[in-house]
Amino acid sequence: MPGGPDVSFQYADHAQRVHESMSKYTSVPMSFADACLVALSETLREVRVFTLDDDFTVYRRKRNRPLDLLVPKTR
């Protein structure tokens, strides 16, 4: 479905990158789920991550690129 959620991510294909990210962000700390989302974002050309988690402002994709985030406004 164009423009819809991508659910094609397979952990086994990205396990090394997931664990590299979790090791890099131990001070945050980065959860397994967060690391999988970052790894998934690296496989897509155009991606926006919907999150309620402020940690995503710290995480970076490969080549130190920030994630394009969709964060709901708070009151």
PDB file of N, CA and C in Angstrom:
ATOM      1  N   MET A   1       0.848  -1.168   0.000  1.00  0.00           N
ATOM      2  CA  MET A   1       0.000   0.000   0.000  1.00  0.00           C
ATOM      3  C   MET A   1       0.900   1.240   0.000  1.00  0.00           C
ATOM      4  N   PRO A   2       0.904   2.024  -1.076  1.00  0.00           N
ATOM      5  CA  PRO A   2       1.742   3.230  -1.135  1.00  0.00           C
ATOM      6  C   PRO A   2       1.383   4.213  -0.026  1.00  0.00           C
ATOM      7  N   GLY A   3       2.410   4.719   0.630  1.00  0.00           N
ATOM      8  CA  GLY A   3       2.191   5.693   1.684  1.00  0.00           C
ATOM      9  C   GLY A   3       1.750   5.105   3.004  1.00  0.00           C
ATOM     10  N   GLY A   4       1.535   3.810   3.038  1.00  0.00           N
ATOM     11  CA  GLY A   4       1.099   3.147   4.267  1.00  0.00           C
ATOM     12  C   GLY A   4       2.279   2.608   5.049  1.00  0.00           C
ATOM     13  N   PRO A   5       1.991   1.954   6.149  1.00  0.00           N
ATOM     14  CA  PRO A   5       3.067   1.399   6.965  1.00  0.00           C
ATOM     15  C   PRO A   5       3.818   0.289   6.243  1.00  0.00           C
ATOM     16  N   ASP A   6       5.101   0.217   6.503  1.00  0.00           N
ATOM     17  CA  ASP A   6       5.936  -0.840   5.932  1.00  0.00           C
ATOM     18  C   ASP A   6       6.165  -1.889   7.012  1.00  0.00           C
ATOM     19  N   VAL A   7       5.746  -3.102   6.756  1.00  0.00           N
ATOM     20  CA  VAL A   7       5.894  -4.175   7.748  1.00  0.00           C
ATOM     21  C   VAL A   7       6.802  -5.293   7.228  1.00  0.00           C
ATOM     22  N   SER A   8       7.648  -4.963   6.262  1.00  0.00           N
ATOM     23  CA  SER A   8       8.501  -5.970   5.640  1.00  0.00           C
ATOM     24  C   SER A   8       9.809  -6.222   6.390  1.00  0.00           C
ATOM     25  N   PHE A   9      10.085  -5.497   7.445  1.00  0.00           N
ATOM     26  CA  PHE A   9      11.343  -5.615   8.183  1.00  0.00           C
ATOM     27  C   PHE A   9      11.494  -7.009   8.793  1.00  0.00           C
ATOM     28  N   GLN A  10      12.641  -7.612   8.574  1.00  0.00           N
ATOM     29  CA  GLN A  10      12.965  -8.909   9.165  1.00  0.00           C
ATOM     30  C   GLN A  10      14.215  -8.737  10.036  1.00  0.00           C
ATOM     31  N   TYR A  11      14.067  -8.969  11.324  1.00  0.00           N
ATOM     32  CA  TYR A  11      15.184  -8.795  12.258  1.00  0.00           C
ATOM     33  C   TYR A  11      16.432  -9.541  11.808  1.00  0.00           C
ATOM     34  N   ALA A  12      16.271 -10.769  11.354  1.00  0.00           N
ATOM     35  CA  ALA A  12      17.416 -11.598  10.970  1.00  0.00           C
ATOM     36  C   ALA A  12      18.268 -10.913   9.895  1.00  0.00           C
ATOM     37  N   ASP A  13      17.638 -10.145   9.031  1.00  0.00           N
ATOM     38  CA  ASP A  13      18.370  -9.456   7.969  1.00  0.00           C
ATOM     39  C   ASP A  13      19.137  -8.233   8.469  1.00  0.00           C
ATOM     40  N   HIS A  14      18.797  -7.746   9.651  1.00  0.00           N
ATOM     41  CA  HIS A  14      19.368  -6.491  10.162  1.00  0.00           C
ATOM     42  C   HIS A  14      19.901  -6.626  11.586  1.00  0.00           C
ATOM     43  N   ALA A  15      20.095  -7.829  12.048  1.00  0.00           N
ATOM     44  CA  ALA A  15      20.498  -8.066  13.443  1.00  0.00           C
ATOM     45  C   ALA A  15      21.779  -7.332  13.813  1.00  0.00           C
ATOM     46  N   GLN A  16      22.773  -7.362  12.933  1.00  0.00           N
ATOM     47  CA  GLN A  16      24.041  -6.693  13.247  1.00  0.00           C
ATOM     48  C   GLN A  16      23.826  -5.199  13.461  1.00  0.00           C
ATOM     49  N   ARG A  17      23.087  -4.563  12.563  1.00  0.00           N
ATOM     50  CA  ARG A  17      22.846  -3.120  12.679  1.00  0.00           C
ATOM     51  C   ARG A  17      22.034  -2.797  13.929  1.00  0.00           C
ATOM     52  N   VAL A  18      21.044  -3.624  14.241  1.00  0.00           N
ATOM     53  CA  VAL A  18      20.227  -3.421  15.444  1.00  0.00           C
ATOM     54  C   VAL A  18      21.118  -3.417  16.679  1.00  0.00           C
ATOM     55  N   HIS A  19      22.001  -4.397  16.771  1.00  0.00           N
ATOM     56  CA  HIS A  19      22.856  -4.500  17.957  1.00  0.00           C
ATOM     57  C   HIS A  19      23.934  -3.417  17.989  1.00  0.00           C
ATOM     58  N   GLU A  20      24.405  -2.991  16.817  1.00  0.00           N
ATOM     59  CA  GLU A  20      25.347  -1.866  16.777  1.00  0.00           C
ATOM     60  C   GLU A  20      24.695  -0.606  17.343  1.00  0.00           C
ATOM     61  N   SER A  21      23.462  -0.369  16.948  1.00  0.00           N
ATOM     62  CA  SER A  21      22.755   0.816  17.437  1.00  0.00           C
ATOM     63  C   SER A  21      22.521   0.745  18.937  1.00  0.00           C
ATOM     64  N   MET A  22      22.104  -0.406  19.419  1.00  0.00           N
ATOM     65  CA  MET A  22      21.861  -0.555  20.859  1.00  0.00           C
ATOM     66  C   MET A  22      23.147  -0.340  21.644  1.00  0.00           C
ATOM     67  N   SER A  23      24.281  -0.783  21.104  1.00  0.00           N
ATOM     68  CA  SER A  23      25.572  -0.575  21.767  1.00  0.00           C
ATOM     69  C   SER A  23      25.975   0.893  21.743  1.00  0.00           C
ATOM     70  N   LYS A  24      25.684   1.567  20.644  1.00  0.00           N
ATOM     71  CA  LYS A  24      26.047   2.973  20.502  1.00  0.00           C
ATOM     72  C   LYS A  24      25.276   3.863  21.466  1.00  0.00           C
ATOM     73  N   TYR A  25      24.018   3.533  21.717  1.00  0.00           N
ATOM     74  CA  TYR A  25      23.160   4.380  22.534  1.00  0.00           C
ATOM     75  C   TYR A  25      22.878   3.780  23.911  1.00  0.00           C
ATOM     76  N   THR A  26      23.867   3.172  24.529  1.00  0.00           N
ATOM     77  CA  THR A  26      23.667   2.570  25.854  1.00  0.00           C
ATOM     78  C   THR A  26      23.338   3.626  26.906  1.00  0.00           C
ATOM     79  N   SER A  27      23.776   4.861  26.701  1.00  0.00           N
ATOM     80  CA  SER A  27      23.498   5.900  27.698  1.00  0.00           C
ATOM     81  C   SER A  27      22.049   6.381  27.648  1.00  0.00           C
ATOM     82  N   VAL A  28      21.328   6.074  26.565  1.00  0.00           N
ATOM     83  CA  VAL A  28      19.944   6.562  26.457  1.00  0.00           C
ATOM     84  C   VAL A  28      19.000   5.753  27.353  1.00  0.00           C
ATOM     85  N   PRO A  29      18.952   4.476  27.469  1.00  0.00           N
ATOM     86  CA  PRO A  29      19.415   3.424  26.559  1.00  0.00           C
ATOM     87  C   PRO A  29      18.420   3.189  25.438  1.00  0.00           C
ATOM     88  N   MET A  30      18.916   2.599  24.358  1.00  0.00           N
ATOM     89  CA  MET A  30      18.070   2.306  23.202  1.00  0.00           C
ATOM     90  C   MET A  30      17.455   0.922  23.365  1.00  0.00           C
ATOM     91  N   SER A  31      16.148   0.848  23.222  1.00  0.00           N
ATOM     92  CA  SER A  31      15.467  -0.445  23.320  1.00  0.00           C
ATOM     93  C   SER A  31      15.624  -1.217  22.011  1.00  0.00           C
ATOM     94  N   PHE A  32      15.347  -2.500  22.087  1.00  0.00           N
ATOM     95  CA  PHE A  32      15.376  -3.358  20.904  1.00  0.00           C
ATOM     96  C   PHE A  32      14.393  -2.833  19.851  1.00  0.00           C
ATOM     97  N   ALA A  33      13.196  -2.478  20.267  1.00  0.00           N
ATOM     98  CA  ALA A  33      12.183  -1.979  19.335  1.00  0.00           C
ATOM     99  C   ALA A  33      12.647  -0.685  18.663  1.00  0.00           C
ATOM    100  N   ASP A  34      13.232   0.237  19.432  1.00  0.00           N
ATOM    101  CA  ASP A  34      13.742   1.483  18.856  1.00  0.00           C
ATOM    102  C   ASP A  34      14.839   1.197  17.836  1.00  0.00           C
ATOM    103  N   ALA A  35      15.736   0.282  18.173  1.00  0.00           N
ATOM    104  CA  ALA A  35      16.831  -0.070  17.265  1.00  0.00           C
ATOM    105  C   ALA A  35      16.295  -0.674  15.969  1.00  0.00           C
ATOM    106  N   CYS A  36      15.248  -1.474  16.068  1.00  0.00           N
ATOM    107  CA  CYS A  36      14.633  -2.042  14.867  1.00  0.00           C
ATOM    108  C   CYS A  36      14.008  -0.948  14.008  1.00  0.00           C
ATOM    109  N   LEU A  37      13.373   0.034  14.618  1.00  0.00           N
ATOM    110  CA  LEU A  37      12.778   1.133  13.847  1.00  0.00           C
ATOM    111  C   LEU A  37      13.854   1.957  13.137  1.00  0.00           C
ATOM    112  N   VAL A  38      14.960   2.204  13.824  1.00  0.00           N
ATOM    113  CA  VAL A  38      16.047   2.953  13.192  1.00  0.00           C
ATOM    114  C   VAL A  38      16.611   2.145  12.025  1.00  0.00           C
ATOM    115  N   ALA A  39      16.830   0.843  12.234  1.00  0.00           N
ATOM    116  CA  ALA A  39      17.344  -0.011  11.156  1.00  0.00           C
ATOM    117  C   ALA A  39      16.368  -0.046   9.980  1.00  0.00           C
ATOM    118  N   LEU A  40      15.084  -0.147  10.256  1.00  0.00           N
ATOM    119  CA  LEU A  40      14.082  -0.119   9.190  1.00  0.00           C
ATOM    120  C   LEU A  40      14.150   1.199   8.432  1.00  0.00           C
ATOM    121  N   SER A  41      14.296   2.303   9.145  1.00  0.00           N
ATOM    122  CA  SER A  41      14.348   3.611   8.491  1.00  0.00           C
ATOM    123  C   SER A  41      15.530   3.713   7.534  1.00  0.00           C
ATOM    124  N   GLU A  42      16.589   2.970   7.818  1.00  0.00           N
ATOM    125  CA  GLU A  42      17.774   3.010   6.965  1.00  0.00           C
ATOM    126  C   GLU A  42      17.587   2.230   5.666  1.00  0.00           C
ATOM    127  N   THR A  43      16.561   1.411   5.611  1.00  0.00           N
ATOM    128  CA  THR A  43      16.324   0.612   4.405  1.00  0.00           C
ATOM    129  C   THR A  43      15.410   1.320   3.414  1.00  0.00           C
ATOM    130  N   LEU A  44      14.833   2.433   3.830  1.00  0.00           N
ATOM    131  CA  LEU A  44      13.865   3.138   2.996  1.00  0.00           C
ATOM    132  C   LEU A  44      14.403   4.491   2.569  1.00  0.00           C
ATOM    133  N   ARG A  45      14.105   4.882   1.360  1.00  0.00           N
ATOM    134  CA  ARG A  45      14.591   6.167   0.851  1.00  0.00           C
ATOM    135  C   ARG A  45      13.905   7.326   1.559  1.00  0.00           C
ATOM    136  N   GLU A  46      12.605   7.303   1.567  1.00  0.00           N
ATOM    137  CA  GLU A  46      11.836   8.350   2.241  1.00  0.00           C
ATOM    138  C   GLU A  46      11.052   7.699   3.368  1.00  0.00           C
ATOM    139  N   VAL A  47      11.305   8.163   4.581  1.00  0.00           N
ATOM    140  CA  VAL A  47      10.644   7.545   5.729  1.00  0.00           C
ATOM    141  C   VAL A  47      10.402   8.591   6.801  1.00  0.00           C
ATOM    142  N   ARG A  48       9.289   8.482   7.449  1.00  0.00           N
ATOM    143  CA  ARG A  48       8.976   9.328   8.601  1.00  0.00           C
ATOM    144  C   ARG A  48       8.577   8.381   9.722  1.00  0.00           C
ATOM    145  N   VAL A  49       9.156   8.584  10.889  1.00  0.00           N
ATOM    146  CA  VAL A  49       8.882   7.736  12.041  1.00  0.00           C
ATOM    147  C   VAL A  49       7.912   8.452  12.974  1.00  0.00           C
ATOM    148  N   PHE A  50       6.774   7.828  13.228  1.00  0.00           N
ATOM    149  CA  PHE A  50       5.812   8.339  14.200  1.00  0.00           C
ATOM    150  C   PHE A  50       6.244   7.853  15.571  1.00  0.00           C
ATOM    151  N   THR A  51       6.381   8.770  16.520  1.00  0.00           N
ATOM    152  CA  THR A  51       6.828   8.382  17.851  1.00  0.00           C
ATOM    153  C   THR A  51       6.319   9.343  18.914  1.00  0.00           C
ATOM    154  N   LEU A  52       6.203   8.822  20.101  1.00  0.00           N
ATOM    155  CA  LEU A  52       5.913   9.626  21.287  1.00  0.00           C
ATOM    156  C   LEU A  52       7.155   9.701  22.174  1.00  0.00           C
ATOM    157  N   ASP A  53       8.235   9.087  21.728  1.00  0.00           N
ATOM    158  CA  ASP A  53       9.460   8.901  22.493  1.00  0.00           C
ATOM    159  C   ASP A  53      10.498   9.961  22.115  1.00  0.00           C
ATOM    160  N   ASP A  54      10.890  10.802  23.072  1.00  0.00           N
ATOM    161  CA  ASP A  54      11.880  11.851  22.831  1.00  0.00           C
ATOM    162  C   ASP A  54      13.256  11.307  22.450  1.00  0.00           C
ATOM    163  N   ASP A  55      13.532  10.046  22.758  1.00  0.00           N
ATOM    164  CA  ASP A  55      14.836   9.470  22.436  1.00  0.00           C
ATOM    165  C   ASP A  55      15.118   9.503  20.942  1.00  0.00           C
ATOM    166  N   PHE A  56      14.079   9.497  20.128  1.00  0.00           N
ATOM    167  CA  PHE A  56      14.291   9.498  18.685  1.00  0.00           C
ATOM    168  C   PHE A  56      14.926  10.799  18.191  1.00  0.00           C
ATOM    169  N   THR A  57      14.905  11.843  18.980  1.00  0.00           N
ATOM    170  CA  THR A  57      15.605  13.067  18.591  1.00  0.00           C
ATOM    171  C   THR A  57      17.119  12.906  18.741  1.00  0.00           C
ATOM    172  N   VAL A  58      17.531  11.907  19.516  1.00  0.00           N
ATOM    173  CA  VAL A  58      18.945  11.622  19.745  1.00  0.00           C
ATOM    174  C   VAL A  58      19.474  10.627  18.717  1.00  0.00           C
ATOM    175  N   TYR A  59      18.688   9.641  18.363  1.00  0.00           N
ATOM    176  CA  TYR A  59      19.123   8.581  17.450  1.00  0.00           C
ATOM    177  C   TYR A  59      19.444   9.127  16.074  1.00  0.00           C
ATOM    178  N   ARG A  60      20.402   8.478  15.424  1.00  0.00           N
ATOM    179  CA  ARG A  60      20.799   8.860  14.070  1.00  0.00           C
ATOM    180  C   ARG A  60      20.818   7.641  13.172  1.00  0.00           C
ATOM    181  N   ARG A  61      20.484   7.881  11.905  1.00  0.00           N
ATOM    182  CA  ARG A  61      20.599   6.857  10.881  1.00  0.00           C
ATOM    183  C   ARG A  61      22.059   6.790  10.460  1.00  0.00           C
ATOM    184  N   LYS A  62      22.376   5.891   9.559  1.00  0.00           N
ATOM    185  CA  LYS A  62      23.748   5.819   9.045  1.00  0.00           C
ATOM    186  C   LYS A  62      24.173   7.177   8.516  1.00  0.00           C
ATOM    187  N   ARG A  63      25.462   7.418   8.567  1.00  0.00           N
ATOM    188  CA  ARG A  63      26.072   8.687   8.156  1.00  0.00           C
ATOM    189  C   ARG A  63      25.586   9.856   8.983  1.00  0.00           C
ATOM    190  N   ASN A  64      25.208   9.564  10.240  1.00  0.00           N
ATOM    191  CA  ASN A  64      24.826  10.582  11.218  1.00  0.00           C
ATOM    192  C   ASN A  64      23.613  11.419  10.797  1.00  0.00           C
ATOM    193  N   ARG A  65      22.740  10.831   9.994  1.00  0.00           N
ATOM    194  CA  ARG A  65      21.546  11.548   9.536  1.00  0.00           C
ATOM    195  C   ARG A  65      20.431  11.434  10.576  1.00  0.00           C
ATOM    196  N   PRO A  66      19.810  12.544  10.934  1.00  0.00           N
ATOM    197  CA  PRO A  66      18.692  12.475  11.888  1.00  0.00           C
ATOM    198  C   PRO A  66      17.481  11.826  11.225  1.00  0.00           C
ATOM    199  N   LEU A  67      16.622  11.294  12.050  1.00  0.00           N
ATOM    200  CA  LEU A  67      15.382  10.702  11.565  1.00  0.00           C
ATOM    201  C   LEU A  67      14.362  11.806  11.293  1.00  0.00           C
ATOM    202  N   ASP A  68      13.546  11.601  10.284  1.00  0.00           N
ATOM    203  CA  ASP A  68      12.422  12.492  10.027  1.00  0.00           C
ATOM    204  C   ASP A  68      11.299  12.007  10.931  1.00  0.00           C
ATOM    205  N   LEU A  69      10.929  12.812  11.908  1.00  0.00           N
ATOM    206  CA  LEU A  69       9.977  12.381  12.929  1.00  0.00           C
ATOM    207  C   LEU A  69       8.621  13.036  12.752  1.00  0.00           C
ATOM    208  N   LEU A  70       7.601  12.272  13.074  1.00  0.00           N
ATOM    209  CA  LEU A  70       6.238  12.767  13.169  1.00  0.00           C
ATOM    210  C   LEU A  70       5.857  12.620  14.638  1.00  0.00           C
ATOM    211  N   VAL A  71       5.821  13.742  15.346  1.00  0.00           N
ATOM    212  CA  VAL A  71       5.576  13.749  16.774  1.00  0.00           C
ATOM    213  C   VAL A  71       4.313  14.571  17.044  1.00  0.00           C
ATOM    214  N   PRO A  72       3.317  13.960  17.690  1.00  0.00           N
ATOM    215  CA  PRO A  72       2.097  14.728  17.997  1.00  0.00           C
ATOM    216  C   PRO A  72       2.408  15.897  18.924  1.00  0.00           C
ATOM    217  N   LYS A  73       1.709  16.976  18.725  1.00  0.00           N
ATOM    218  CA  LYS A  73       1.883  18.145  19.597  1.00  0.00           C
ATOM    219  C   LYS A  73       1.304  17.849  20.968  1.00  0.00           C
ATOM    220  N   THR A  74       1.982  18.338  21.985  1.00  0.00           N
ATOM    221  CA  THR A  74       1.474  18.194  23.335  1.00  0.00           C
ATOM    222  C   THR A  74       0.756  19.478  23.730  1.00  0.00           C
ATOM    223  N   ARG A  75      -0.091  19.373  24.708  1.00  0.00           N
ATOM    224  CA  ARG A  75      -0.869  20.549  25.117  1.00  0.00           C
ATOM    225  C   ARG A  75      -0.067  21.501  25.933  1.00  0.00           C
TER     226      ARG A  75
END
